[in-house]
């Protein structure tokens, strides 16, 4: 499989992060182009297949913006004002369009991590 996928795990609750809003952008020089907005499902994944596939899956620099603060508040977590993590931007490059790029997010109110998954 080729394309771009993601998923989100809430490490504070030990569960998938359901209903988190994610914005996808393509970075071009100093600007960025919004490609789509999605929400995670009950499994912390995005319905409808890869975020980028086919002709849209092109080499370049991209950014996923995870709306962590909104998700955490909706989950019942009381956050300070301002929240430590309101949005989590992950900027990454796609070099090989014959490969699969999976960019997961592990989130809690005070920390996150990511990696290139499979």
N, C-alpha and C. Protein backbone atom coordinates (compact mmCIF):
# COMPACT_ATOMS: atom_id res chain seq x y z
N UNK A 1 0.84 -1.19 0.00
CA UNK A 1 0.00 0.00 0.00
C UNK A 1 0.88 1.24 0.00
N UNK A 2 0.53 2.21 -0.80
CA UNK A 2 1.20 3.51 -0.78
C UNK A 2 0.21 4.55 -0.26
N UNK A 3 0.73 5.70 0.11
CA UNK A 3 -0.12 6.77 0.58
C UNK A 3 0.30 7.22 1.97
N UNK A 4 -0.50 8.16 2.51
CA UNK A 4 -0.25 8.72 3.83
C UNK A 4 -1.40 8.37 4.76
N UNK A 5 -1.08 7.81 5.92
CA UNK A 5 -2.08 7.50 6.93
C UNK A 5 -1.61 8.03 8.29
N UNK A 6 -2.54 8.08 9.23
CA UNK A 6 -2.22 8.50 10.59
C UNK A 6 -3.18 7.83 11.55
N UNK A 7 -2.83 7.84 12.81
CA UNK A 7 -3.75 7.48 13.88
C UNK A 7 -3.28 8.16 15.15
N UNK A 8 -4.18 8.25 16.13
CA UNK A 8 -3.87 8.96 17.38
C UNK A 8 -4.25 8.07 18.56
N UNK A 9 -3.30 7.93 19.48
CA UNK A 9 -3.54 7.20 20.72
C UNK A 9 -3.40 8.15 21.90
N UNK A 10 -4.35 8.09 22.80
CA UNK A 10 -4.35 8.91 24.01
C UNK A 10 -3.60 8.11 25.08
N UNK A 11 -2.36 8.48 25.36
CA UNK A 11 -1.56 7.70 26.30
C UNK A 11 -1.97 7.93 27.75
N UNK A 12 -2.69 9.01 28.02
CA UNK A 12 -3.18 9.26 29.38
C UNK A 12 -4.32 8.31 29.74
N UNK A 13 -5.18 8.01 28.76
CA UNK A 13 -6.32 7.12 29.02
C UNK A 13 -6.04 5.68 28.58
N UNK A 14 -5.00 5.50 27.76
CA UNK A 14 -4.72 4.16 27.25
C UNK A 14 -5.67 3.72 26.16
N UNK A 15 -6.30 4.69 25.49
CA UNK A 15 -7.30 4.38 24.46
C UNK A 15 -7.02 5.17 23.18
N UNK A 16 -7.64 4.74 22.08
CA UNK A 16 -7.56 5.55 20.86
C UNK A 16 -8.21 6.92 21.10
N UNK A 17 -7.70 7.92 20.42
CA UNK A 17 -8.25 9.28 20.54
C UNK A 17 -9.35 9.46 19.50
N UNK A 18 -10.58 9.33 19.96
CA UNK A 18 -11.74 9.43 19.07
C UNK A 18 -12.16 10.88 18.89
N UNK A 19 -12.49 11.24 17.65
CA UNK A 19 -13.04 12.56 17.28
C UNK A 19 -12.02 13.69 17.34
N UNK A 20 -10.74 13.38 17.21
CA UNK A 20 -9.75 14.46 17.14
C UNK A 20 -9.72 15.03 15.72
N UNK A 21 -9.77 16.33 15.63
CA UNK A 21 -9.68 17.02 14.34
C UNK A 21 -8.21 17.09 13.91
N UNK A 22 -7.98 16.81 12.62
CA UNK A 22 -6.64 16.85 12.04
C UNK A 22 -6.72 17.61 10.73
N UNK A 23 -5.85 18.60 10.57
CA UNK A 23 -5.75 19.34 9.31
C UNK A 23 -4.47 18.92 8.61
N UNK A 24 -4.54 18.73 7.30
CA UNK A 24 -3.40 18.36 6.48
C UNK A 24 -3.07 19.50 5.53
N UNK A 25 -1.79 19.88 5.49
CA UNK A 25 -1.29 20.94 4.62
C UNK A 25 -0.11 20.45 3.80
N UNK A 26 0.04 21.02 2.62
CA UNK A 26 1.25 20.86 1.83
C UNK A 26 2.05 22.15 2.01
N UNK A 27 3.33 22.03 2.32
CA UNK A 27 4.20 23.17 2.55
C UNK A 27 4.92 23.50 1.25
N UNK A 28 4.85 24.77 0.86
CA UNK A 28 5.50 25.23 -0.37
C UNK A 28 6.22 26.53 -0.07
N UNK A 29 7.55 26.45 0.08
CA UNK A 29 8.31 27.63 0.46
C UNK A 29 7.90 28.08 1.85
N UNK A 30 7.53 29.35 1.96
CA UNK A 30 7.08 29.89 3.25
C UNK A 30 5.57 29.76 3.44
N UNK A 31 4.87 29.27 2.42
CA UNK A 31 3.42 29.16 2.51
C UNK A 31 2.98 27.72 2.68
N UNK A 32 1.68 27.55 2.91
CA UNK A 32 1.13 26.21 3.01
C UNK A 32 -0.27 26.22 2.41
N UNK A 33 -0.64 25.07 1.85
CA UNK A 33 -1.94 24.89 1.21
C UNK A 33 -2.73 23.85 1.98
N UNK A 34 -3.93 24.22 2.41
CA UNK A 34 -4.79 23.28 3.12
C UNK A 34 -5.30 22.23 2.15
N UNK A 35 -5.10 20.96 2.47
CA UNK A 35 -5.56 19.87 1.60
C UNK A 35 -6.84 19.22 2.11
N UNK A 36 -6.95 19.03 3.42
CA UNK A 36 -8.19 18.44 3.95
C UNK A 36 -8.21 18.52 5.46
N UNK A 37 -9.41 18.38 6.00
CA UNK A 37 -9.63 18.27 7.43
C UNK A 37 -10.40 16.99 7.68
N UNK A 38 -9.94 16.21 8.66
CA UNK A 38 -10.57 14.93 8.98
C UNK A 38 -10.72 14.82 10.50
N UNK A 39 -11.47 13.81 10.93
CA UNK A 39 -11.59 13.49 12.36
C UNK A 39 -11.31 12.00 12.54
N UNK A 40 -10.75 11.67 13.68
CA UNK A 40 -10.47 10.27 13.96
C UNK A 40 -11.75 9.55 14.36
N UNK A 41 -11.77 8.25 14.10
CA UNK A 41 -12.92 7.42 14.46
C UNK A 41 -12.69 6.79 15.83
N UNK A 42 -13.53 5.85 16.23
CA UNK A 42 -13.44 5.22 17.55
C UNK A 42 -12.13 4.45 17.75
N UNK A 43 -11.48 4.10 16.66
CA UNK A 43 -10.20 3.39 16.72
C UNK A 43 -9.01 4.36 16.65
N UNK A 44 -9.28 5.68 16.64
CA UNK A 44 -8.21 6.67 16.55
C UNK A 44 -7.66 6.82 15.14
N UNK A 45 -8.31 6.21 14.18
CA UNK A 45 -7.87 6.27 12.78
C UNK A 45 -8.83 7.14 11.98
N UNK A 46 -8.48 7.36 10.72
CA UNK A 46 -9.30 8.19 9.84
C UNK A 46 -10.04 7.28 8.86
N UNK A 47 -11.36 7.45 8.78
CA UNK A 47 -12.16 6.67 7.83
C UNK A 47 -11.90 7.14 6.40
N UNK A 48 -12.18 6.26 5.46
CA UNK A 48 -12.11 6.65 4.06
C UNK A 48 -10.77 6.40 3.39
N UNK A 49 -9.90 5.65 4.01
CA UNK A 49 -8.62 5.32 3.38
C UNK A 49 -7.55 6.35 3.68
N UNK A 50 -6.43 6.27 2.95
CA UNK A 50 -5.30 7.17 3.20
C UNK A 50 -5.68 8.64 3.03
N UNK A 51 -4.98 9.50 3.77
CA UNK A 51 -5.17 10.96 3.64
C UNK A 51 -4.70 11.44 2.28
N UNK A 52 -3.63 10.87 1.80
CA UNK A 52 -3.11 11.17 0.47
C UNK A 52 -2.91 9.86 -0.27
N UNK A 53 -3.37 9.81 -1.50
CA UNK A 53 -3.23 8.61 -2.32
C UNK A 53 -3.28 9.04 -3.78
N UNK A 54 -2.77 8.21 -4.66
CA UNK A 54 -2.80 8.50 -6.10
C UNK A 54 -2.02 9.74 -6.45
N UNK A 55 -2.59 10.58 -7.31
CA UNK A 55 -1.91 11.79 -7.77
C UNK A 55 -1.67 12.79 -6.64
N UNK A 56 -2.49 12.74 -5.59
CA UNK A 56 -2.32 13.65 -4.46
C UNK A 56 -1.10 13.28 -3.61
N UNK A 57 -0.66 12.04 -3.70
CA UNK A 57 0.47 11.55 -2.92
C UNK A 57 1.76 11.86 -3.68
N UNK A 58 2.22 13.07 -3.52
CA UNK A 58 3.40 13.56 -4.26
C UNK A 58 4.54 13.83 -3.30
N UNK A 59 5.75 13.75 -3.83
CA UNK A 59 6.93 14.09 -3.02
C UNK A 59 6.83 15.54 -2.57
N UNK A 60 7.28 15.81 -1.37
CA UNK A 60 7.25 17.18 -0.86
C UNK A 60 7.18 17.20 0.65
N UNK A 61 6.95 18.38 1.17
CA UNK A 61 6.87 18.59 2.62
C UNK A 61 5.41 18.83 3.00
N UNK A 62 4.99 18.19 4.07
CA UNK A 62 3.60 18.24 4.52
C UNK A 62 3.57 18.54 6.01
N UNK A 63 2.39 18.93 6.48
CA UNK A 63 2.20 19.18 7.90
C UNK A 63 0.83 18.67 8.32
N UNK A 64 0.83 17.90 9.39
CA UNK A 64 -0.40 17.49 10.04
C UNK A 64 -0.56 18.32 11.30
N UNK A 65 -1.72 18.95 11.46
CA UNK A 65 -2.02 19.74 12.66
C UNK A 65 -3.08 18.97 13.45
N UNK A 66 -2.69 18.49 14.61
CA UNK A 66 -3.58 17.74 15.50
C UNK A 66 -4.15 18.70 16.54
N UNK A 67 -5.46 18.79 16.63
CA UNK A 67 -6.12 19.71 17.57
C UNK A 67 -6.30 19.01 18.92
N UNK A 68 -5.19 18.92 19.62
CA UNK A 68 -5.12 18.16 20.87
C UNK A 68 -5.93 18.80 21.99
N UNK A 69 -5.86 20.11 22.15
CA UNK A 69 -6.57 20.79 23.23
C UNK A 69 -8.07 20.56 23.16
N UNK A 70 -8.65 20.72 21.98
CA UNK A 70 -10.09 20.48 21.82
C UNK A 70 -10.45 19.04 22.17
N UNK A 71 -9.63 18.10 21.69
CA UNK A 71 -9.88 16.69 21.99
C UNK A 71 -9.80 16.42 23.49
N UNK A 72 -8.76 16.91 24.15
CA UNK A 72 -8.58 16.65 25.58
C UNK A 72 -9.71 17.24 26.40
N UNK A 73 -10.12 18.47 26.07
CA UNK A 73 -11.25 19.09 26.79
C UNK A 73 -12.53 18.28 26.61
N UNK A 74 -12.78 17.84 25.36
CA UNK A 74 -13.99 17.05 25.08
C UNK A 74 -13.95 15.71 25.80
N UNK A 75 -12.75 15.23 26.12
CA UNK A 75 -12.60 13.97 26.85
C UNK A 75 -12.80 14.14 28.35
N UNK A 76 -13.02 15.38 28.79
CA UNK A 76 -13.27 15.64 30.20
C UNK A 76 -12.04 16.02 31.00
N UNK A 77 -10.93 16.23 30.33
CA UNK A 77 -9.71 16.61 31.03
C UNK A 77 -9.70 18.12 31.23
N UNK A 78 -9.49 18.56 32.47
CA UNK A 78 -9.41 19.98 32.77
C UNK A 78 -8.00 20.45 32.46
N UNK A 79 -7.91 21.38 31.51
CA UNK A 79 -6.62 21.91 31.09
C UNK A 79 -6.44 23.32 31.64
N UNK A 80 -5.19 23.72 31.88
CA UNK A 80 -4.95 25.10 32.30
C UNK A 80 -5.23 26.05 31.14
N UNK A 81 -5.32 27.32 31.43
CA UNK A 81 -5.55 28.33 30.39
C UNK A 81 -4.35 29.29 30.37
N UNK A 82 -3.52 29.23 29.34
CA UNK A 82 -3.65 28.40 28.13
C UNK A 82 -3.19 26.97 28.38
N UNK A 83 -3.68 26.08 27.54
CA UNK A 83 -3.28 24.67 27.62
C UNK A 83 -1.82 24.53 27.22
N UNK A 84 -1.15 23.56 27.81
CA UNK A 84 0.24 23.31 27.45
C UNK A 84 0.34 22.89 25.98
N UNK A 85 -0.55 22.00 25.54
CA UNK A 85 -0.59 21.56 24.15
C UNK A 85 -1.97 21.86 23.57
N UNK A 86 -2.07 22.92 22.81
CA UNK A 86 -3.34 23.25 22.15
C UNK A 86 -3.40 22.56 20.79
N UNK A 87 -2.38 22.76 19.99
CA UNK A 87 -2.26 22.06 18.71
C UNK A 87 -0.87 21.44 18.65
N UNK A 88 -0.79 20.31 17.94
CA UNK A 88 0.49 19.64 17.75
C UNK A 88 0.75 19.58 16.25
N UNK A 89 1.72 20.37 15.77
CA UNK A 89 2.06 20.31 14.35
C UNK A 89 3.19 19.31 14.12
N UNK A 90 3.02 18.47 13.13
CA UNK A 90 4.08 17.55 12.74
C UNK A 90 4.38 17.80 11.27
N UNK A 91 5.58 18.33 11.01
CA UNK A 91 6.02 18.61 9.64
C UNK A 91 6.97 17.51 9.22
N UNK A 92 6.73 16.95 8.06
CA UNK A 92 7.51 15.80 7.60
C UNK A 92 7.62 15.83 6.08
N UNK A 93 8.57 15.07 5.56
CA UNK A 93 8.78 15.00 4.12
C UNK A 93 8.41 13.64 3.56
N UNK A 94 7.88 13.67 2.35
CA UNK A 94 7.62 12.45 1.59
C UNK A 94 8.59 12.46 0.41
N UNK A 95 9.48 11.48 0.40
CA UNK A 95 10.48 11.41 -0.66
C UNK A 95 10.18 10.29 -1.66
N UNK A 96 9.62 9.20 -1.18
CA UNK A 96 9.41 8.00 -1.99
C UNK A 96 7.91 7.76 -2.17
N UNK A 97 7.38 8.10 -3.34
CA UNK A 97 5.95 7.97 -3.58
C UNK A 97 5.53 6.52 -3.88
N UNK A 98 6.48 5.60 -3.85
CA UNK A 98 6.15 4.18 -4.00
C UNK A 98 6.05 3.53 -2.62
N UNK A 99 6.19 4.30 -1.56
CA UNK A 99 6.19 3.78 -0.20
C UNK A 99 4.92 4.21 0.55
N UNK A 100 4.74 3.61 1.71
CA UNK A 100 3.65 3.99 2.60
C UNK A 100 4.24 4.83 3.72
N UNK A 101 3.63 5.98 4.01
CA UNK A 101 4.04 6.84 5.10
C UNK A 101 2.92 6.84 6.14
N UNK A 102 3.25 6.41 7.34
CA UNK A 102 2.29 6.40 8.44
C UNK A 102 2.85 7.28 9.54
N UNK A 103 2.08 8.31 9.93
CA UNK A 103 2.54 9.29 10.92
C UNK A 103 1.57 9.26 12.11
N UNK A 104 1.86 8.42 13.11
CA UNK A 104 0.99 8.35 14.28
C UNK A 104 1.34 9.41 15.31
N UNK A 105 0.38 9.70 16.17
CA UNK A 105 0.59 10.63 17.28
C UNK A 105 0.18 9.93 18.57
N UNK A 106 1.06 9.97 19.56
CA UNK A 106 0.77 9.52 20.92
C UNK A 106 0.66 10.78 21.75
N UNK A 107 -0.50 11.01 22.38
CA UNK A 107 -0.77 12.30 23.01
C UNK A 107 -1.20 12.14 24.46
N UNK A 108 -0.82 13.11 25.28
CA UNK A 108 -1.31 13.27 26.65
C UNK A 108 -1.38 14.78 26.89
N UNK A 109 -1.94 15.24 27.99
CA UNK A 109 -2.05 16.69 28.20
C UNK A 109 -0.71 17.44 28.24
N UNK A 110 0.38 16.73 28.56
CA UNK A 110 1.66 17.42 28.73
C UNK A 110 2.80 16.84 27.91
N UNK A 111 2.48 16.03 26.92
CA UNK A 111 3.53 15.47 26.09
C UNK A 111 2.97 14.73 24.90
N UNK A 112 3.84 14.53 23.89
CA UNK A 112 3.46 13.75 22.73
C UNK A 112 4.70 13.16 22.10
N UNK A 113 4.48 12.16 21.27
CA UNK A 113 5.58 11.61 20.47
C UNK A 113 5.01 11.13 19.15
N UNK A 114 5.90 11.00 18.19
CA UNK A 114 5.53 10.52 16.86
C UNK A 114 6.70 9.74 16.29
N UNK A 115 6.47 9.09 15.20
CA UNK A 115 7.51 8.31 14.51
C UNK A 115 6.97 7.96 13.13
N UNK A 116 7.83 7.47 12.27
CA UNK A 116 7.34 6.98 10.99
C UNK A 116 6.99 5.51 11.18
N UNK A 117 5.72 5.22 11.14
CA UNK A 117 5.24 3.87 11.33
C UNK A 117 5.16 3.11 10.03
N UNK A 118 4.54 1.96 10.10
CA UNK A 118 4.42 1.12 8.91
C UNK A 118 2.97 0.85 8.59
